[in-house]
Amino acid sequence: MLIQSVVMGILCCISILTLGNYFGVIGITSGYLVLTIIGFIWTYFIFRNKKKEWHNEE
């Protein structure tokens, strides 16, 4: 999850700088919402894959 956290942090910074310049607070909030949804989906897939690996090792 370290890679996911670093990538999401970088994307969040880029989102804030670009959307903030063009759309202000609404752009920042919308970008953060989209990235939060993407992060949640990515985390779910990591959890599902690692859970399968964990249970197959036994």
PDB file of N, CA and C in Angstrom:
ATOM      1  N   MET A   1       0.814  -1.189   0.000  1.00  0.00           N
ATOM      2  CA  MET A   1       0.000   0.000   0.000  1.00  0.00           C
ATOM      3  C   MET A   1       0.862   1.259   0.000  1.00  0.00           C
ATOM      4  N   LEU A   2       2.152   1.097   0.159  1.00  0.00           N
ATOM      5  CA  LEU A   2       3.031   2.260   0.116  1.00  0.00           C
ATOM      6  C   LEU A   2       2.999   2.912  -1.263  1.00  0.00           C
ATOM      7  N   ILE A   3       3.057   2.096  -2.298  1.00  0.00           N
ATOM      8  CA  ILE A   3       3.031   2.640  -3.656  1.00  0.00           C
ATOM      9  C   ILE A   3       1.715   3.364  -3.908  1.00  0.00           C
ATOM     10  N   GLN A   4       0.625   2.768  -3.465  1.00  0.00           N
ATOM     11  CA  GLN A   4      -0.686   3.387  -3.640  1.00  0.00           C
ATOM     12  C   GLN A   4      -0.750   4.731  -2.921  1.00  0.00           C
ATOM     13  N   SER A   5      -0.227   4.808  -1.734  1.00  0.00           N
ATOM     14  CA  SER A   5      -0.248   6.057  -0.966  1.00  0.00           C
ATOM     15  C   SER A   5       0.590   7.144  -1.623  1.00  0.00           C
ATOM     16  N   VAL A   6       1.758   6.785  -2.108  1.00  0.00           N
ATOM     17  CA  VAL A   6       2.632   7.767  -2.756  1.00  0.00           C
ATOM     18  C   VAL A   6       2.004   8.267  -4.057  1.00  0.00           C
ATOM     19  N   VAL A   7       1.470   7.346  -4.859  1.00  0.00           N
ATOM     20  CA  VAL A   7       0.834   7.741  -6.118  1.00  0.00           C
ATOM     21  C   VAL A   7      -0.372   8.640  -5.842  1.00  0.00           C
ATOM     22  N   MET A   8      -1.191   8.277  -4.869  1.00  0.00           N
ATOM     23  CA  MET A   8      -2.368   9.089  -4.549  1.00  0.00           C
ATOM     24  C   MET A   8      -1.959  10.464  -4.023  1.00  0.00           C
ATOM     25  N   GLY A   9      -0.883  10.541  -3.253  1.00  0.00           N
ATOM     26  CA  GLY A   9      -0.396  11.829  -2.777  1.00  0.00           C
ATOM     27  C   GLY A   9       0.069  12.726  -3.909  1.00  0.00           C
ATOM     28  N   ILE A  10       0.797  12.151  -4.843  1.00  0.00           N
ATOM     29  CA  ILE A  10       1.262  12.925  -6.005  1.00  0.00           C
ATOM     30  C   ILE A  10       0.080  13.393  -6.845  1.00  0.00           C
ATOM     31  N   LEU A  11      -0.870  12.483  -7.097  1.00  0.00           N
ATOM     32  CA  LEU A  11      -2.050  12.860  -7.870  1.00  0.00           C
ATOM     33  C   LEU A  11      -2.878  13.927  -7.155  1.00  0.00           C
ATOM     34  N   CYS A  12      -2.934  13.859  -5.844  1.00  0.00           N
ATOM     35  CA  CYS A  12      -3.673  14.857  -5.077  1.00  0.00           C
ATOM     36  C   CYS A  12      -3.011  16.234  -5.210  1.00  0.00           C
ATOM     37  N   CYS A  13      -1.701  16.275  -5.141  1.00  0.00           N
ATOM     38  CA  CYS A  13      -0.996  17.550  -5.311  1.00  0.00           C
ATOM     39  C   CYS A  13      -1.222  18.128  -6.711  1.00  0.00           C
ATOM     40  N   ILE A  14      -1.117  17.286  -7.715  1.00  0.00           N
ATOM     41  CA  ILE A  14      -1.346  17.743  -9.086  1.00  0.00           C
ATOM     42  C   ILE A  14      -2.777  18.221  -9.258  1.00  0.00           C
ATOM     43  N   SER A  15      -3.705  17.480  -8.698  1.00  0.00           N
ATOM     44  CA  SER A  15      -5.124  17.839  -8.783  1.00  0.00           C
ATOM     45  C   SER A  15      -5.398  19.184  -8.118  1.00  0.00           C
ATOM     46  N   ILE A  16      -4.827  19.399  -6.951  1.00  0.00           N
ATOM     47  CA  ILE A  16      -5.054  20.656  -6.237  1.00  0.00           C
ATOM     48  C   ILE A  16      -4.490  21.836  -7.022  1.00  0.00           C
ATOM     49  N   LEU A  17      -3.296  21.673  -7.553  1.00  0.00           N
ATOM     50  CA  LEU A  17      -2.672  22.778  -8.285  1.00  0.00           C
ATOM     51  C   LEU A  17      -3.405  23.103  -9.587  1.00  0.00           C
ATOM     52  N   THR A  18      -3.771  22.067 -10.339  1.00  0.00           N
ATOM     53  CA  THR A  18      -4.401  22.334 -11.632  1.00  0.00           C
ATOM     54  C   THR A  18      -5.870  22.724 -11.487  1.00  0.00           C
ATOM     55  N   LEU A  19      -6.641  21.923 -10.780  1.00  0.00           N
ATOM     56  CA  LEU A  19      -8.068  22.222 -10.645  1.00  0.00           C
ATOM     57  C   LEU A  19      -8.301  23.459  -9.783  1.00  0.00           C
ATOM     58  N   GLY A  20      -7.420  23.688  -8.827  1.00  0.00           N
ATOM     59  CA  GLY A  20      -7.544  24.887  -7.992  1.00  0.00           C
ATOM     60  C   GLY A  20      -7.349  26.159  -8.787  1.00  0.00           C
ATOM     61  N   ASN A  21      -6.430  26.139  -9.736  1.00  0.00           N
ATOM     62  CA  ASN A  21      -6.202  27.319 -10.573  1.00  0.00           C
ATOM     63  C   ASN A  21      -7.375  27.618 -11.490  1.00  0.00           C
ATOM     64  N   TYR A  22      -8.008  26.562 -11.999  1.00  0.00           N
ATOM     65  CA  TYR A  22      -9.081  26.765 -12.968  1.00  0.00           C
ATOM     66  C   TYR A  22     -10.467  26.907 -12.337  1.00  0.00           C
ATOM     67  N   PHE A  23     -10.735  26.159 -11.275  1.00  0.00           N
ATOM     68  CA  PHE A  23     -12.091  26.112 -10.733  1.00  0.00           C
ATOM     69  C   PHE A  23     -12.212  26.522  -9.271  1.00  0.00           C
ATOM     70  N   GLY A  24     -11.106  26.802  -8.608  1.00  0.00           N
ATOM     71  CA  GLY A  24     -11.142  27.230  -7.217  1.00  0.00           C
ATOM     72  C   GLY A  24     -11.464  26.087  -6.262  1.00  0.00           C
ATOM     73  N   VAL A  25     -12.205  26.419  -5.231  1.00  0.00           N
ATOM     74  CA  VAL A  25     -12.511  25.450  -4.169  1.00  0.00           C
ATOM     75  C   VAL A  25     -13.346  24.281  -4.707  1.00  0.00           C
ATOM     76  N   ILE A  26     -14.261  24.561  -5.610  1.00  0.00           N
ATOM     77  CA  ILE A  26     -15.080  23.492  -6.186  1.00  0.00           C
ATOM     78  C   ILE A  26     -14.204  22.496  -6.945  1.00  0.00           C
ATOM     79  N   GLY A  27     -13.219  22.972  -7.672  1.00  0.00           N
ATOM     80  CA  GLY A  27     -12.308  22.092  -8.392  1.00  0.00           C
ATOM     81  C   GLY A  27     -11.466  21.244  -7.460  1.00  0.00           C
ATOM     82  N   ILE A  28     -10.975  21.865  -6.389  1.00  0.00           N
ATOM     83  CA  ILE A  28     -10.170  21.123  -5.413  1.00  0.00           C
ATOM     84  C   ILE A  28     -11.007  20.033  -4.765  1.00  0.00           C
ATOM     85  N   THR A  29     -12.220  20.373  -4.369  1.00  0.00           N
ATOM     86  CA  THR A  29     -13.097  19.410  -3.712  1.00  0.00           C
ATOM     87  C   THR A  29     -13.489  18.281  -4.661  1.00  0.00           C
ATOM     88  N   SER A  30     -13.801  18.614  -5.892  1.00  0.00           N
ATOM     89  CA  SER A  30     -14.180  17.593  -6.876  1.00  0.00           C
ATOM     90  C   SER A  30     -13.011  16.661  -7.173  1.00  0.00           C
ATOM     91  N   GLY A  31     -11.836  17.224  -7.342  1.00  0.00           N
ATOM     92  CA  GLY A  31     -10.654  16.397  -7.593  1.00  0.00           C
ATOM     93  C   GLY A  31     -10.354  15.464  -6.441  1.00  0.00           C
ATOM     94  N   TYR A  32     -10.484  15.972  -5.228  1.00  0.00           N
ATOM     95  CA  TYR A  32     -10.244  15.132  -4.055  1.00  0.00           C
ATOM     96  C   TYR A  32     -11.284  14.023  -3.952  1.00  0.00           C
ATOM     97  N   LEU A  33     -12.530  14.334  -4.275  1.00  0.00           N
ATOM     98  CA  LEU A  33     -13.587  13.319  -4.264  1.00  0.00           C
ATOM     99  C   LEU A  33     -13.288  12.207  -5.257  1.00  0.00           C
ATOM    100  N   VAL A  34     -12.922  12.572  -6.467  1.00  0.00           N
ATOM    101  CA  VAL A  34     -12.609  11.573  -7.497  1.00  0.00           C
ATOM    102  C   VAL A  34     -11.414  10.723  -7.069  1.00  0.00           C
ATOM    103  N   LEU A  35     -10.379  11.357  -6.538  1.00  0.00           N
ATOM    104  CA  LEU A  35      -9.201  10.606  -6.111  1.00  0.00           C
ATOM    105  C   LEU A  35      -9.506   9.708  -4.913  1.00  0.00           C
ATOM    106  N   THR A  36     -10.392  10.125  -4.034  1.00  0.00           N
ATOM    107  CA  THR A  36     -10.783   9.290  -2.908  1.00  0.00           C
ATOM    108  C   THR A  36     -11.515   8.045  -3.394  1.00  0.00           C
ATOM    109  N   ILE A  37     -12.384   8.202  -4.369  1.00  0.00           N
ATOM    110  CA  ILE A  37     -13.096   7.047  -4.927  1.00  0.00           C
ATOM    111  C   ILE A  37     -12.115   6.096  -5.613  1.00  0.00           C
ATOM    112  N   ILE A  38     -11.191   6.645  -6.389  1.00  0.00           N
ATOM    113  CA  ILE A  38     -10.181   5.818  -7.052  1.00  0.00           C
ATOM    114  C   ILE A  38      -9.317   5.095  -6.017  1.00  0.00           C
ATOM    115  N   GLY A  39      -8.917   5.814  -4.968  1.00  0.00           N
ATOM    116  CA  GLY A  39      -8.113   5.206  -3.914  1.00  0.00           C
ATOM    117  C   GLY A  39      -8.848   4.094  -3.194  1.00  0.00           C
ATOM    118  N   PHE A  40     -10.140   4.276  -2.963  1.00  0.00           N
ATOM    119  CA  PHE A  40     -10.932   3.245  -2.305  1.00  0.00           C
ATOM    120  C   PHE A  40     -11.006   1.985  -3.154  1.00  0.00           C
ATOM    121  N   ILE A  41     -11.236   2.155  -4.457  1.00  0.00           N
ATOM    122  CA  ILE A  41     -11.313   1.002  -5.363  1.00  0.00           C
ATOM    123  C   ILE A  41      -9.963   0.293  -5.440  1.00  0.00           C
ATOM    124  N   TRP A  42      -8.892   1.063  -5.551  1.00  0.00           N
ATOM    125  CA  TRP A  42      -7.547   0.494  -5.615  1.00  0.00           C
ATOM    126  C   TRP A  42      -7.235  -0.283  -4.329  1.00  0.00           C
ATOM    127  N   THR A  43      -7.579   0.283  -3.176  1.00  0.00           N
ATOM    128  CA  THR A  43      -7.341  -0.378  -1.896  1.00  0.00           C
ATOM    129  C   THR A  43      -8.145  -1.660  -1.796  1.00  0.00           C
ATOM    130  N   TYR A  44      -9.372  -1.662  -2.296  1.00  0.00           N
ATOM    131  CA  TYR A  44     -10.198  -2.871  -2.274  1.00  0.00           C
ATOM    132  C   TYR A  44      -9.543  -3.985  -3.086  1.00  0.00           C
ATOM    133  N   PHE A  45      -9.018  -3.658  -4.281  1.00  0.00           N
ATOM    134  CA  PHE A  45      -8.366  -4.673  -5.098  1.00  0.00           C
ATOM    135  C   PHE A  45      -7.083  -5.192  -4.443  1.00  0.00           C
ATOM    136  N   ILE A  46      -6.336  -4.331  -3.799  1.00  0.00           N
ATOM    137  CA  ILE A  46      -5.147  -4.774  -3.068  1.00  0.00           C
ATOM    138  C   ILE A  46      -5.555  -5.729  -1.962  1.00  0.00           C
ATOM    139  N   PHE A  47      -6.576  -5.364  -1.193  1.00  0.00           N
ATOM    140  CA  PHE A  47      -7.049  -6.207  -0.097  1.00  0.00           C
ATOM    141  C   PHE A  47      -7.507  -7.565  -0.611  1.00  0.00           C
ATOM    142  N   ARG A  48      -8.291  -7.561  -1.685  1.00  0.00           N
ATOM    143  CA  ARG A  48      -8.822  -8.810  -2.217  1.00  0.00           C
ATOM    144  C   ARG A  48      -7.707  -9.728  -2.707  1.00  0.00           C
ATOM    145  N   ASN A  49      -6.730  -9.167  -3.418  1.00  0.00           N
ATOM    146  CA  ASN A  49      -5.632  -9.987  -3.931  1.00  0.00           C
ATOM    147  C   ASN A  49      -4.746 -10.519  -2.813  1.00  0.00           C
ATOM    148  N   LYS A  50      -4.425  -9.703  -1.841  1.00  0.00           N
ATOM    149  CA  LYS A  50      -3.569 -10.152  -0.742  1.00  0.00           C
ATOM    150  C   LYS A  50      -4.277 -11.148   0.158  1.00  0.00           C
ATOM    151  N   LYS A  51      -5.600 -11.016   0.287  1.00  0.00           N
ATOM    152  CA  LYS A  51      -6.357 -11.980   1.082  1.00  0.00           C
ATOM    153  C   LYS A  51      -6.336 -13.346   0.411  1.00  0.00           C
ATOM    154  N   LYS A  52      -6.465 -13.362  -0.927  1.00  0.00           N
ATOM    155  CA  LYS A  52      -6.377 -14.631  -1.658  1.00  0.00           C
ATOM    156  C   LYS A  52      -4.999 -15.258  -1.487  1.00  0.00           C
ATOM    157  N   GLU A  53      -3.958 -14.431  -1.591  1.00  0.00           N
ATOM    158  CA  GLU A  53      -2.594 -14.949  -1.405  1.00  0.00           C
ATOM    159  C   GLU A  53      -2.411 -15.514  -0.009  1.00  0.00           C
ATOM    160  N   TRP A  54      -2.926 -14.841   0.994  1.00  0.00           N
ATOM    161  CA  TRP A  54      -2.768 -15.263   2.376  1.00  0.00           C
ATOM    162  C   TRP A  54      -3.444 -16.614   2.603  1.00  0.00           C
ATOM    163  N   HIS A  55      -4.651 -16.775   2.090  1.00  0.00           N
ATOM    164  CA  HIS A  55      -5.392 -18.018   2.337  1.00  0.00           C
ATOM    165  C   HIS A  55      -4.908 -19.168   1.456  1.00  0.00           C
ATOM    166  N   ASN A  56      -4.289 -18.899   0.347  1.00  0.00           N
ATOM    167  CA  ASN A  56      -3.757 -19.969  -0.496  1.00  0.00           C
ATOM    168  C   ASN A  56      -2.444 -20.521   0.022  1.00  0.00           C
ATOM    169  N   GLU A  57      -1.753 -19.774   0.882  1.00  0.00           N
ATOM    170  CA  GLU A  57      -0.469 -20.237   1.413  1.00  0.00           C
ATOM    171  C   GLU A  57      -0.641 -21.287   2.493  1.00  0.00           C
ATOM    172  N   GLU A  58      -1.791 -21.360   3.108  1.00  0.00           N
ATOM    173  CA  GLU A  58      -1.990 -22.303   4.215  1.00  0.00           C
ATOM    174  C   GLU A  58      -2.203 -23.711   3.760  1.00  0.00           C
TER     175      GLU A  58
END
